[in-house]
Amino acid sequence: MSYSTTNYQTAPTSPNPYVSRKLNNIEEARMMKEKRNNWTKMYHKTLKGLEAMIDVQKQVKNMMKIAVETNIMITEMEDTILKASVNN
C-alpha cells in the first residue's frame, strides 16, 4: 500500500503507518507498558504519601487550636482565682 503526495509516492515504514517502528516490536511495547505501569504505581504511591502528610498537618493544626483554647481557659481560670483571692 502506497501513499500519494503531490509529485511522488512514499511507502509506509511499518505495517501500520500510524504506529512507529519502535512500537511494532512487541517486546519493546511490553517494556514500555511495564515502565509506564511502574511510573503510574510510583505516582499513586506519592499521592497517597502527600495525602497522609496533609492529614497529619490538619491534625497538628487542630491540636494547636485546641492548645490555644485550653491556654485561654487556663488564663481565665487563673484570673478568676486571683480575683476571688483578692476579694477574700
N, C-alpha and C. Protein backbone atom coordinates (compact mmCIF):
# COMPACT_ATOMS: atom_id res chain seq x y z
N MET A 1 0.85 -1.17 0.00
CA MET A 1 0.00 0.00 0.00
C MET A 1 0.90 1.23 0.00
N SER A 2 0.65 2.11 -0.91
CA SER A 2 1.47 3.31 -1.00
C SER A 2 0.58 4.53 -0.83
N TYR A 3 1.22 5.61 -0.49
CA TYR A 3 0.51 6.85 -0.24
C TYR A 3 0.97 7.88 -1.26
N SER A 4 0.07 8.55 -1.83
CA SER A 4 0.44 9.51 -2.85
C SER A 4 0.43 10.91 -2.28
N THR A 5 1.45 11.65 -2.64
CA THR A 5 1.50 13.06 -2.26
C THR A 5 1.50 13.88 -3.54
N THR A 6 2.04 15.04 -3.51
CA THR A 6 1.95 15.90 -4.70
C THR A 6 2.58 15.28 -5.94
N ASN A 7 3.87 14.99 -5.95
CA ASN A 7 4.53 14.52 -7.15
C ASN A 7 5.16 13.15 -7.01
N TYR A 8 5.17 12.57 -5.86
CA TYR A 8 5.85 11.29 -5.69
C TYR A 8 5.08 10.43 -4.71
N GLN A 9 5.42 9.14 -4.66
CA GLN A 9 4.76 8.20 -3.77
C GLN A 9 5.74 7.75 -2.71
N THR A 10 5.21 7.51 -1.52
CA THR A 10 6.04 7.01 -0.43
C THR A 10 5.43 5.71 0.08
N ALA A 11 6.27 4.84 0.58
CA ALA A 11 5.81 3.59 1.15
C ALA A 11 5.87 3.71 2.66
N PRO A 12 4.89 3.16 3.35
CA PRO A 12 4.94 3.22 4.82
C PRO A 12 6.14 2.45 5.34
N THR A 13 6.67 2.89 6.46
CA THR A 13 7.86 2.25 7.04
C THR A 13 7.49 1.09 7.95
N SER A 14 6.23 0.92 8.27
CA SER A 14 5.81 -0.18 9.12
C SER A 14 4.46 -0.68 8.61
N PRO A 15 4.02 -1.87 9.05
CA PRO A 15 2.72 -2.38 8.60
C PRO A 15 1.57 -1.42 8.89
N ASN A 16 1.64 -0.74 10.01
CA ASN A 16 0.63 0.26 10.36
C ASN A 16 1.30 1.62 10.34
N PRO A 17 0.97 2.48 9.38
CA PRO A 17 1.69 3.75 9.28
C PRO A 17 1.46 4.67 10.47
N TYR A 18 0.46 4.39 11.31
CA TYR A 18 0.17 5.24 12.47
C TYR A 18 0.94 4.80 13.71
N VAL A 19 1.63 3.69 13.62
CA VAL A 19 2.41 3.19 14.74
C VAL A 19 3.87 3.22 14.34
N SER A 20 4.70 3.76 15.19
CA SER A 20 6.12 3.87 14.86
C SER A 20 6.77 2.50 14.81
N ARG A 21 7.93 2.43 14.19
CA ARG A 21 8.67 1.17 14.11
C ARG A 21 8.94 0.61 15.48
N LYS A 22 9.28 1.48 16.42
CA LYS A 22 9.64 1.04 17.76
C LYS A 22 8.49 0.28 18.41
N LEU A 23 7.26 0.73 18.20
CA LEU A 23 6.13 0.07 18.82
C LEU A 23 5.74 -1.23 18.12
N ASN A 24 6.20 -1.42 16.90
CA ASN A 24 5.87 -2.67 16.22
C ASN A 24 6.61 -3.85 16.83
N ASN A 25 7.67 -3.59 17.55
CA ASN A 25 8.38 -4.65 18.23
C ASN A 25 7.63 -4.94 19.53
N ILE A 26 7.00 -6.10 19.62
CA ILE A 26 6.12 -6.41 20.75
C ILE A 26 6.87 -6.42 22.07
N GLU A 27 8.12 -6.85 22.05
CA GLU A 27 8.89 -6.88 23.29
C GLU A 27 9.14 -5.46 23.81
N GLU A 28 9.47 -4.57 22.92
CA GLU A 28 9.68 -3.18 23.33
C GLU A 28 8.37 -2.56 23.80
N ALA A 29 7.27 -2.93 23.18
CA ALA A 29 5.97 -2.42 23.61
C ALA A 29 5.66 -2.89 25.02
N ARG A 30 5.97 -4.14 25.31
CA ARG A 30 5.75 -4.66 26.68
C ARG A 30 6.61 -3.92 27.69
N MET A 31 7.86 -3.68 27.31
CA MET A 31 8.76 -2.97 28.23
C MET A 31 8.26 -1.56 28.48
N MET A 32 7.78 -0.90 27.43
CA MET A 32 7.26 0.46 27.60
C MET A 32 6.02 0.45 28.49
N LYS A 33 5.16 -0.56 28.31
CA LYS A 33 3.95 -0.65 29.13
C LYS A 33 4.33 -0.89 30.59
N GLU A 34 5.29 -1.77 30.81
CA GLU A 34 5.73 -2.06 32.18
C GLU A 34 6.33 -0.81 32.83
N LYS A 35 7.12 -0.07 32.05
CA LYS A 35 7.72 1.16 32.57
C LYS A 35 6.62 2.16 32.92
N ARG A 36 5.61 2.28 32.06
CA ARG A 36 4.51 3.20 32.33
C ARG A 36 3.75 2.76 33.58
N ASN A 37 3.54 1.45 33.72
CA ASN A 37 2.84 0.95 34.92
C ASN A 37 3.64 1.23 36.18
N ASN A 38 4.97 1.09 36.09
CA ASN A 38 5.82 1.39 37.25
C ASN A 38 5.70 2.86 37.63
N TRP A 39 5.72 3.74 36.62
CA TRP A 39 5.58 5.17 36.90
C TRP A 39 4.21 5.48 37.49
N THR A 40 3.18 4.80 36.98
CA THR A 40 1.83 5.01 37.49
C THR A 40 1.75 4.59 38.95
N LYS A 41 2.33 3.44 39.27
CA LYS A 41 2.34 2.98 40.66
C LYS A 41 3.08 3.97 41.55
N MET A 42 4.23 4.46 41.07
CA MET A 42 5.00 5.41 41.86
C MET A 42 4.21 6.72 42.05
N TYR A 43 3.51 7.14 41.02
CA TYR A 43 2.70 8.36 41.08
C TYR A 43 1.61 8.22 42.14
N HIS A 44 0.90 7.08 42.13
CA HIS A 44 -0.17 6.88 43.10
C HIS A 44 0.38 6.73 44.52
N LYS A 45 1.53 6.08 44.64
CA LYS A 45 2.16 5.94 45.96
C LYS A 45 2.55 7.32 46.50
N THR A 46 3.08 8.17 45.62
CA THR A 46 3.46 9.53 46.01
C THR A 46 2.23 10.32 46.43
N LEU A 47 1.14 10.18 45.66
CA LEU A 47 -0.10 10.88 46.02
C LEU A 47 -0.61 10.45 47.39
N LYS A 48 -0.57 9.14 47.66
CA LYS A 48 -1.01 8.65 48.97
C LYS A 48 -0.14 9.23 50.07
N GLY A 49 1.17 9.31 49.83
CA GLY A 49 2.07 9.90 50.83
C GLY A 49 1.75 11.36 51.08
N LEU A 50 1.48 12.10 50.01
CA LEU A 50 1.12 13.51 50.16
C LEU A 50 -0.19 13.67 50.92
N GLU A 51 -1.15 12.81 50.62
CA GLU A 51 -2.43 12.87 51.33
C GLU A 51 -2.23 12.60 52.82
N ALA A 52 -1.35 11.64 53.14
CA ALA A 52 -1.07 11.33 54.54
C ALA A 52 -0.42 12.54 55.23
N MET A 53 0.51 13.20 54.54
CA MET A 53 1.15 14.39 55.12
C MET A 53 0.14 15.50 55.35
N ILE A 54 -0.76 15.68 54.41
CA ILE A 54 -1.79 16.71 54.56
C ILE A 54 -2.68 16.40 55.76
N ASP A 55 -3.05 15.13 55.92
CA ASP A 55 -3.86 14.74 57.07
C ASP A 55 -3.15 15.03 58.38
N VAL A 56 -1.86 14.71 58.44
CA VAL A 56 -1.08 14.97 59.66
C VAL A 56 -1.03 16.47 59.93
N GLN A 57 -0.82 17.26 58.88
CA GLN A 57 -0.78 18.71 59.06
C GLN A 57 -2.11 19.24 59.59
N LYS A 58 -3.22 18.69 59.08
CA LYS A 58 -4.54 19.11 59.58
C LYS A 58 -4.70 18.74 61.04
N GLN A 59 -4.25 17.54 61.42
CA GLN A 59 -4.35 17.12 62.82
C GLN A 59 -3.52 18.02 63.72
N VAL A 60 -2.30 18.35 63.28
CA VAL A 60 -1.44 19.23 64.08
C VAL A 60 -2.09 20.60 64.22
N LYS A 61 -2.66 21.11 63.13
CA LYS A 61 -3.33 22.40 63.17
C LYS A 61 -4.50 22.38 64.15
N ASN A 62 -5.28 21.31 64.13
CA ASN A 62 -6.40 21.18 65.08
C ASN A 62 -5.89 21.09 66.51
N MET A 63 -4.79 20.36 66.72
CA MET A 63 -4.23 20.25 68.06
C MET A 63 -3.74 21.61 68.56
N MET A 64 -3.17 22.40 67.67
CA MET A 64 -2.71 23.74 68.06
C MET A 64 -3.90 24.61 68.43
N LYS A 65 -5.00 24.51 67.70
CA LYS A 65 -6.20 25.27 68.05
C LYS A 65 -6.70 24.88 69.43
N ILE A 66 -6.73 23.58 69.69
CA ILE A 66 -7.18 23.10 71.00
C ILE A 66 -6.25 23.59 72.10
N ALA A 67 -4.93 23.58 71.83
CA ALA A 67 -3.96 24.06 72.82
C ALA A 67 -4.17 25.54 73.11
N VAL A 68 -4.43 26.34 72.08
CA VAL A 68 -4.67 27.78 72.27
C VAL A 68 -5.93 27.98 73.10
N GLU A 69 -7.00 27.24 72.77
CA GLU A 69 -8.25 27.36 73.53
C GLU A 69 -8.04 26.96 74.99
N THR A 70 -7.29 25.89 75.21
CA THR A 70 -7.00 25.43 76.57
C THR A 70 -6.20 26.48 77.32
N ASN A 71 -5.22 27.08 76.65
CA ASN A 71 -4.41 28.11 77.28
C ASN A 71 -5.27 29.30 77.67
N ILE A 72 -6.20 29.68 76.81
CA ILE A 72 -7.11 30.79 77.13
C ILE A 72 -7.97 30.44 78.34
N MET A 73 -8.48 29.22 78.37
CA MET A 73 -9.31 28.79 79.51
C MET A 73 -8.51 28.81 80.81
N ILE A 74 -7.26 28.33 80.74
CA ILE A 74 -6.41 28.32 81.95
C ILE A 74 -6.14 29.76 82.41
N THR A 75 -5.88 30.65 81.47
CA THR A 75 -5.64 32.06 81.82
C THR A 75 -6.88 32.66 82.47
N GLU A 76 -8.06 32.36 81.93
CA GLU A 76 -9.30 32.87 82.53
C GLU A 76 -9.51 32.30 83.92
N MET A 77 -9.19 31.01 84.10
CA MET A 77 -9.33 30.40 85.43
C MET A 77 -8.38 31.06 86.42
N GLU A 78 -7.14 31.33 85.98
CA GLU A 78 -6.17 32.00 86.87
C GLU A 78 -6.70 33.38 87.27
N ASP A 79 -7.23 34.11 86.29
CA ASP A 79 -7.79 35.43 86.59
C ASP A 79 -8.92 35.32 87.61
N THR A 80 -9.80 34.35 87.42
CA THR A 80 -10.93 34.16 88.34
C THR A 80 -10.41 33.82 89.74
N ILE A 81 -9.42 32.94 89.83
CA ILE A 81 -8.87 32.54 91.13
C ILE A 81 -8.20 33.74 91.80
N LEU A 82 -7.43 34.53 91.05
CA LEU A 82 -6.77 35.71 91.61
C LEU A 82 -7.79 36.73 92.10
N LYS A 83 -8.85 36.93 91.30
CA LYS A 83 -9.88 37.89 91.72
C LYS A 83 -10.58 37.40 92.99
N ALA A 84 -10.84 36.09 93.07
CA ALA A 84 -11.50 35.53 94.25
C ALA A 84 -10.61 35.67 95.47
N SER A 85 -9.30 35.45 95.31
CA SER A 85 -8.39 35.52 96.45
C SER A 85 -8.19 36.98 96.89
N VAL A 86 -8.23 37.90 95.96
CA VAL A 86 -8.08 39.31 96.31
C VAL A 86 -9.32 39.78 97.05
N ASN A 87 -10.49 39.35 96.63
CA ASN A 87 -11.74 39.77 97.25
C ASN A 87 -11.89 39.17 98.64
N ASN A 88 -11.29 38.07 98.91
CA ASN A 88 -11.44 37.45 100.24
C ASN A 88 -10.33 37.93 101.09
